[in-house]
Protein backbone atom coordinates (compact mmCIF):
# COMPACT_ATOMS: atom_id res chain seq x y z
CA MET A 1 0.00 0.00 0.00
CA LEU A 2 2.81 2.41 0.90
CA LYS A 3 4.48 1.66 -2.40
CA THR A 4 1.24 2.42 -4.29
CA MET A 5 0.86 5.82 -2.58
CA THR A 6 4.38 6.85 -3.54
CA ILE A 7 3.69 5.99 -7.14
CA GLY A 8 0.49 7.94 -6.97
CA LEU A 9 2.23 11.04 -5.73
CA MET A 10 4.71 10.81 -8.56
CA ALA A 11 1.85 10.53 -10.99
CA ILE A 12 0.14 13.59 -9.58
CA SER A 13 3.40 15.56 -9.88
CA THR A 14 3.75 14.53 -13.51
CA VAL A 15 0.18 15.46 -14.31
CA SER A 16 0.67 18.85 -12.69
CA PHE A 17 3.56 19.78 -15.02
CA ALA A 18 1.75 18.33 -18.02
CA GLY A 19 -1.28 20.38 -17.11
CA GLY A 20 0.58 23.60 -17.94
CA LEU A 21 1.74 24.80 -14.51
CA GLN A 22 4.70 27.28 -14.74
CA GLU A 23 8.06 25.70 -14.00
CA PRO A 24 9.77 27.49 -11.06
CA VAL A 25 12.93 29.58 -11.76
CA LYS A 26 16.03 27.50 -11.28
CA PRO A 27 18.47 28.85 -8.68
CA ILE A 28 21.97 29.85 -9.78
CA ASN A 29 24.09 26.79 -9.92
CA PRO A 30 27.33 27.52 -8.04
CA ASP A 31 28.97 24.72 -9.98
CA SER A 32 28.69 26.87 -13.14
CA SER A 33 31.05 29.46 -11.71
CA ASN A 34 33.51 26.77 -10.67
CA PHE A 35 33.23 25.09 -14.07
CA TYR A 36 34.38 28.24 -15.90
CA LEU A 37 36.93 28.97 -13.19
CA GLN A 38 38.64 25.65 -13.87
CA LYS A 39 38.52 26.22 -17.63
CA GLY A 40 40.08 29.63 -17.11
CA ILE A 41 42.88 28.23 -14.95
CA THR A 42 43.63 25.59 -17.59
CA GLU A 43 43.90 28.21 -20.32
CA LYS A 44 45.96 30.50 -18.10
CA ASP A 45 48.42 27.71 -17.30
CA ALA A 46 48.72 27.10 -21.05
CA GLY A 47 49.63 30.76 -21.57
CA ARG A 48 46.40 31.67 -23.37
CA LEU A 49 45.54 34.69 -21.23
CA GLN A 50 42.94 36.22 -23.52
CA VAL A 51 40.99 32.96 -23.63
CA SER A 52 41.35 32.49 -19.87
CA LEU A 53 39.99 36.00 -19.32
CA LYS A 54 36.76 35.11 -21.14
CA HIS A 55 36.28 32.08 -18.91
CA PHE A 56 37.00 34.01 -15.72
CA GLU A 57 34.58 36.76 -16.73
CA LYS A 58 31.98 34.09 -17.48
CA ALA A 59 32.64 32.54 -14.08
CA ILE A 60 32.17 35.81 -12.24
CA SER A 61 28.90 36.42 -14.09
CA PHE A 62 27.49 33.37 -12.27
CA ASP A 63 28.81 34.40 -8.85
CA ALA A 64 29.97 38.01 -8.45
CA GLY A 65 31.29 37.37 -4.97
CA ASN A 66 33.43 34.36 -5.78
CA LYS A 67 36.80 35.32 -4.29
CA ALA A 68 38.55 32.39 -5.97
CA VAL A 69 37.51 33.73 -9.38
CA LEU A 70 38.38 37.34 -8.49
CA ALA A 71 41.82 36.21 -7.31
CA GLN A 72 42.44 34.74 -10.78
CA LEU A 73 40.82 37.59 -12.67
CA ALA A 74 42.78 40.47 -11.09
CA PRO A 75 46.29 39.35 -12.19
CA VAL A 76 45.05 38.35 -15.65
CA TYR A 77 43.65 41.84 -16.14
CA TYR A 78 47.04 43.17 -15.06
CA ASP A 79 49.00 40.90 -17.41
CA LEU A 80 46.75 42.02 -20.28
CA ARG A 81 47.43 45.67 -19.33
CA LYS A 82 43.84 46.28 -18.31
CA TYR A 83 45.08 48.17 -15.28
CA GLN A 84 41.91 49.91 -14.15
CA GLN A 85 39.95 46.64 -14.33
CA SER A 86 42.74 44.94 -12.39
CA LYS A 87 42.63 47.61 -9.71
CA ASP A 88 38.84 47.43 -9.46
CA THR A 89 39.04 43.65 -9.04
CA TYR A 90 41.67 43.85 -6.30
CA LYS A 91 39.44 46.40 -4.56
CA GLN A 92 36.53 43.94 -4.76
CA LEU A 93 38.68 41.32 -3.07
CA VAL A 94 39.54 43.73 -0.26
CA ASP A 95 35.90 44.77 0.12
CA LEU A 96 34.94 41.10 0.37
CA GLY A 97 37.29 40.70 3.33
CA ASP A 98 40.53 39.65 1.65
CA ALA A 99 42.46 42.64 2.99
CA SER A 100 45.85 41.00 2.63
CA ALA A 101 49.18 42.79 2.32
CA ALA A 102 49.58 41.33 -1.17
CA ASN A 103 46.28 42.82 -2.35
CA TYR A 104 47.04 46.20 -0.82
CA GLN A 105 50.47 46.16 -2.46
CA GLN A 106 48.83 45.62 -5.83
CA LEU A 107 46.44 48.49 -5.16
CA VAL A 108 49.38 50.77 -4.30
CA ASN A 109 51.26 49.76 -7.46
CA LEU A 110 48.24 50.12 -9.73
CA SER A 111 47.18 53.45 -8.22
CA PHE A 112 50.72 54.72 -8.76
CA ASN A 113 50.87 53.54 -12.38
CA LEU A 114 47.40 54.93 -13.08
CA LYS A 115 48.49 58.31 -11.63
CA GLN A 116 45.85 58.30 -8.91
CA PRO A 117 47.82 60.00 -6.12
CA ASP A 118 45.10 60.07 -3.47
CA ASP A 119 44.64 56.30 -3.78
CA VAL A 120 48.40 55.75 -3.58
CA ILE A 121 48.46 57.47 -0.21
CA LEU A 122 45.23 55.72 0.92
CA TYR A 123 46.36 52.19 0.09
CA ALA A 124 49.94 52.77 1.23
CA GLY A 125 48.54 53.59 4.66
CA LYS A 126 46.33 50.49 4.67
CA LEU A 127 49.24 48.32 3.54
CA LYS A 128 51.42 49.68 6.31
CA SER A 129 48.67 48.91 8.85
CA VAL A 130 48.59 45.21 7.92
CA ASP A 131 52.31 44.90 7.25
CA PRO A 132 54.47 47.42 9.15
CA SER A 133 57.55 46.24 7.24
CA ALA A 134 56.04 47.12 3.84
CA ARG A 135 58.13 49.50 1.72
CA VAL A 136 55.73 52.23 0.73
CA SER A 137 57.67 55.43 1.42
CA PHE A 138 59.04 55.76 -2.13
CA TYR A 139 55.57 55.71 -3.67
CA VAL A 140 54.25 58.29 -1.22
CA GLY A 141 57.35 60.45 -1.59
CA LYS A 142 57.12 60.46 -5.37
CA VAL A 143 53.43 61.38 -5.21
CA HIS A 144 54.28 64.35 -2.98
CA TYR A 145 57.07 65.38 -5.37
CA GLU A 146 54.71 65.32 -8.35
CA GLN A 147 52.31 67.49 -6.35
CA GLU A 148 55.21 69.91 -5.68
CA ASN A 149 54.91 69.24 -1.96
CA TYR A 150 58.68 69.14 -1.57
CA GLY A 151 58.86 69.07 2.21
CA GLU A 152 56.78 65.90 2.46
CA ALA A 153 58.53 64.48 -0.60
CA ILE A 154 61.95 64.80 1.04
CA LYS A 155 60.59 63.30 4.28
CA TYR A 156 59.21 60.17 2.63
CA LEU A 157 62.03 59.78 0.11
CA THR A 158 64.55 59.93 2.95
CA ALA A 159 62.62 57.10 4.60
CA ALA A 160 62.57 55.26 1.26
CA GLY A 161 66.35 55.42 1.14
CA LYS A 162 66.48 53.68 4.50
CA GLU A 163 63.92 51.06 3.44
CA ASP A 164 65.88 50.25 0.30
CA PRO A 165 69.43 51.68 0.28
CA ALA A 166 69.98 50.38 -3.28
CA ASN A 167 67.10 52.43 -4.73
CA ALA A 168 68.86 55.13 -6.74
CA GLU A 169 65.57 56.86 -7.52
CA ALA A 170 65.13 57.95 -3.89
CA PRO A 171 68.21 60.22 -3.65
CA TYR A 172 67.59 61.41 -7.21
CA MET A 173 64.07 62.58 -6.34
CA ILE A 174 65.42 64.29 -3.21
CA ALA A 175 67.97 66.04 -5.41
CA ARG A 176 65.24 67.17 -7.78
CA SER A 177 63.16 68.43 -4.86
CA TYR A 178 66.01 70.66 -3.67
CA ALA A 179 66.80 71.74 -7.25
CA ASP A 180 63.19 72.71 -7.89
CA MET A 181 63.42 74.91 -4.80
CA LEU A 182 66.59 76.45 -6.33
CA ASN A 183 68.65 75.08 -3.44
CA TYR A 184 71.42 73.91 -5.73
CA LYS A 185 74.17 73.31 -3.20
CA GLN A 186 71.86 71.16 -1.07
CA CYS A 187 70.89 68.99 -4.03
CA ILE A 188 74.44 68.13 -5.17
CA PRO A 189 75.25 65.33 -2.67
CA PHE A 190 71.96 63.60 -3.49
CA PHE A 191 72.69 63.73 -7.22
CA GLN A 192 76.12 62.27 -6.50
CA LYS A 193 74.62 59.50 -4.37
CA ALA A 194 72.07 58.63 -7.05
CA ILE A 195 74.77 58.44 -9.75
CA GLU A 196 76.92 56.31 -7.46
CA LEU A 197 74.02 53.85 -7.08
CA ASP A 198 73.16 53.81 -10.80
CA ALA A 199 76.00 54.80 -13.10
CA SER A 200 73.89 54.24 -16.22
CA LYS A 201 71.71 57.35 -15.79
CA ASN A 202 73.37 59.77 -18.19
CA ASN A 203 70.54 62.29 -17.83
CA TRP A 204 71.25 62.55 -14.08
CA MET A 205 74.89 63.31 -14.87
CA TYR A 206 73.86 65.99 -17.35
CA GLU A 207 71.48 67.56 -14.85
CA LEU A 208 74.23 67.64 -12.24
CA GLY A 209 76.55 69.30 -14.75
CA LEU A 210 73.97 72.05 -15.29
CA ILE A 211 73.56 72.46 -11.51
CA TYR A 212 77.30 73.03 -11.18
CA TYR A 213 77.14 75.48 -14.09
CA ALA A 214 74.40 77.42 -12.27
CA ILE A 215 76.60 77.89 -9.19
CA HIS A 216 79.71 78.68 -11.29
CA GLU A 217 81.67 75.56 -10.38
CA ASP A 218 82.89 75.33 -13.94
CA LYS A 219 85.33 72.43 -13.74
CA GLN A 220 82.73 70.22 -12.07
CA ALA A 221 80.17 71.30 -14.65
CA LEU A 222 82.53 70.24 -17.44
CA LYS A 223 83.27 66.94 -15.69
CA TYR A 224 79.65 65.83 -15.46
CA ILE A 225 78.57 67.11 -18.87
CA LEU A 226 81.45 65.16 -20.43
CA MET A 227 80.55 62.11 -18.32
CA ALA A 228 76.96 62.26 -19.57
CA GLY A 229 78.15 62.28 -23.17
CA GLU A 230 80.49 59.36 -22.55
CA LYS A 231 77.58 57.40 -21.05
CA GLY A 232 75.43 57.92 -24.14
CA TYR A 233 73.59 61.19 -23.56
CA LYS A 234 72.34 62.54 -26.90
CA LYS A 235 74.82 65.07 -28.27
CA ASP A 236 72.33 67.43 -29.83
CA ASN A 237 72.87 71.17 -30.32
CA GLU A 238 71.76 71.97 -26.78
CA TYR A 239 74.22 69.50 -25.29
CA LEU A 240 77.07 70.74 -27.48
CA GLU A 241 76.32 74.37 -26.66
CA ASN A 242 76.43 73.67 -22.94
CA LEU A 243 79.59 71.61 -23.39
CA GLY A 244 81.21 74.44 -25.33
CA ILE A 245 80.25 76.93 -22.61
CA ALA A 246 81.65 74.60 -19.96
CA TYR A 247 84.97 74.45 -21.81
CA LEU A 248 85.07 78.24 -22.17
CA ASN A 249 84.21 78.80 -18.51
CA SER A 250 86.90 76.32 -17.50
CA GLY A 251 89.49 78.32 -19.44
CA ASN A 252 89.83 76.00 -22.44
CA LEU A 253 89.22 78.57 -25.18
CA GLU A 254 90.39 76.39 -28.07
CA GLU A 255 88.12 73.43 -27.30
CA GLY A 256 85.15 75.64 -26.43
CA VAL A 257 85.39 77.67 -29.63
CA LYS A 258 85.86 74.50 -31.66
CA ILE A 259 82.59 73.01 -30.35
CA LEU A 260 80.63 76.25 -30.67
CA GLY A 261 82.03 76.64 -34.18
CA GLU A 262 80.49 73.29 -35.10
CA ILE A 263 77.13 74.58 -33.87
CA LEU A 264 77.50 77.72 -35.98
CA LYS A 265 77.92 75.59 -39.09
CA LYS A 266 74.38 74.33 -38.47
CA ARG A 267 73.00 77.57 -37.01
CA PRO A 268 75.06 80.38 -38.55
CA SER A 269 72.73 83.17 -37.42
CA ASP A 270 72.51 82.09 -33.78
CA LEU A 271 73.28 85.45 -32.17
CA ASN A 272 73.65 83.94 -28.71
CA VAL A 273 76.42 81.57 -29.82
CA LEU A 274 78.12 84.29 -31.89
CA ASN A 275 78.17 86.56 -28.84
CA MET A 276 79.52 83.80 -26.60
CA VAL A 277 82.45 83.10 -28.94
CA ALA A 278 83.16 86.82 -29.32
CA GLU A 279 83.16 87.35 -25.56
CA ALA A 280 85.42 84.33 -25.03
CA TYR A 281 88.00 85.75 -27.45
CA TYR A 282 87.67 89.20 -25.86
CA TYR A 283 88.38 87.92 -22.36
CA LYS A 284 91.42 86.05 -23.68
CA GLY A 285 92.76 89.26 -25.21
CA LYS A 286 92.21 88.04 -28.79
CA TYR A 287 90.52 91.24 -29.90
CA GLN A 288 90.63 90.75 -33.66
CA GLN A 289 88.90 87.37 -33.44
CA ALA A 290 86.34 88.90 -31.08
CA MET A 291 85.69 91.70 -33.58
CA ASP A 292 85.22 89.18 -36.38
CA TYR A 293 82.42 87.44 -34.48
CA TRP A 294 80.72 90.69 -33.48
CA ASP A 295 80.89 91.69 -37.13
CA GLN A 296 78.96 88.49 -37.86
CA VAL A 297 76.34 89.55 -35.33
CA LEU A 298 75.92 92.82 -37.28
CA VAL A 299 75.49 90.89 -40.54
CA TYR A 300 72.29 89.43 -39.08
CA ASP A 301 71.30 92.40 -36.88
CA MET A 302 72.61 95.74 -38.09
CA GLN A 303 70.94 97.59 -35.19
CA ASN A 304 72.65 95.52 -32.50
CA ALA A 305 74.08 98.34 -30.41
CA SER A 306 75.89 96.00 -28.02
CA ALA A 307 77.92 94.50 -30.86
CA VAL A 308 78.86 97.96 -32.11
CA TYR A 309 79.88 98.96 -28.60
CA MET A 310 82.10 95.90 -28.15
CA ILE A 311 83.77 96.38 -31.51
CA GLY A 312 84.58 99.89 -30.28
CA MET A 313 86.03 98.40 -27.10
CA CYS A 314 88.16 96.02 -29.17
CA TYR A 315 89.60 98.90 -31.17
CA GLN A 316 90.48 100.69 -27.97
CA LYS A 317 92.15 97.56 -26.56
CA LYS A 318 94.16 97.28 -29.79
CA GLY A 319 95.37 100.86 -29.36
CA ASP A 320 93.07 102.72 -31.76
CA LYS A 321 91.45 104.88 -29.10
CA ASP A 322 89.80 107.42 -31.39
CA LYS A 323 88.08 104.94 -33.69
CA GLY A 324 87.07 102.82 -30.74
CA GLN A 325 85.60 105.78 -28.90
CA GLN A 326 83.64 106.88 -31.97
CA LEU A 327 82.07 103.43 -32.27
CA CYS A 328 81.21 103.34 -28.56
CA ASP A 329 79.58 106.77 -28.83
CA LYS A 330 77.62 105.62 -31.89
CA ALA A 331 76.42 102.56 -29.95
CA ILE A 332 75.27 104.79 -27.08
CA GLN A 333 73.29 106.93 -29.55
CA MET A 334 71.63 103.73 -30.79
CA ASP A 335 70.96 102.54 -27.22
CA PRO A 336 71.36 105.20 -24.49
CA SER A 337 71.37 102.55 -21.77
CA LEU A 338 74.90 101.66 -22.86
CA ALA A 339 76.13 104.98 -21.45
CA ALA A 340 76.38 103.37 -18.04
CA LEU A 341 78.84 100.84 -19.48
CA LYS A 342 81.10 103.61 -20.67
CA GLN A 343 81.48 104.89 -17.14
CA LYS A 344 81.97 101.38 -15.72
CA LYS A 345 84.16 100.35 -18.66
CA SER A 346 82.39 97.00 -18.75
CA MET A 347 80.64 94.81 -21.29
CA PRO A 348 76.91 94.72 -22.08
CA GLY A 349 75.09 92.31 -19.83
CA MET A 350 77.77 92.44 -17.14
């Protein structure tokens, strides 16, 4: 009898569906998410990241809170250079309770690469709270530097140098912070430390050369500009002009004029370079050569009163006082401000 009743119930159930009753909505099958998760892992292990991504995204569509899927999805997004999606996925993991140091480190890195400074500082603090030994000072220091907050930048970059003494970027960024504040002498030891840690950075050497030039330490300026060139810094016109100036300022007239002469072959009407060569010859007492270059200035700018004045000075230095004085007076008529130079017996711009 019991057996008959069971059969009867089954029959009633069958008749109910056959009678047109609506089939209830099937619940989400958690096995579907796991099925695509495993397919994604297989493709990932085979190196087919794009295919694995499709499977992981399919898996997460079945179960948005599946941390195992999110943990696979986040690094795949990263490897495929989908950085914002990667960051969003790591954030999901943290929000779901997986607030591990590894996940916070990824959020710091991604926020830094995506140039999201507020998030760098936010996640660096959270990382430090779960792992006090985490090295986050460099990221925070660089963010402060980019925001021109140099005091905080120096503070965190100094800490970064202690966290990782081999990180050449830390002293370099400190050097740049001081340089941007025009504190050139303070920045020099940090440039030197950075170059000591990474001798391949020719642009750092060039920058240091220009810093020395700015504070009139000419031999050091020449040393580092030459070093930059030897290490592969591009020897364009700007580099060669600064190198030529460094030679002139160091007292090597012949080498300086030679380099600037090469620039003039490419830029014959560069009045700045013509004036520099003329002045260099003048200071060395080579007045005829100085006059020749100031004459070239007048070829391109006949109203250049300063050039006329200096040609007059050259004549006077050569012993032709009258002619020299006439030219100086003519220059003063062209530009009355030069009258002050006559009394000081100095050069324009001095």
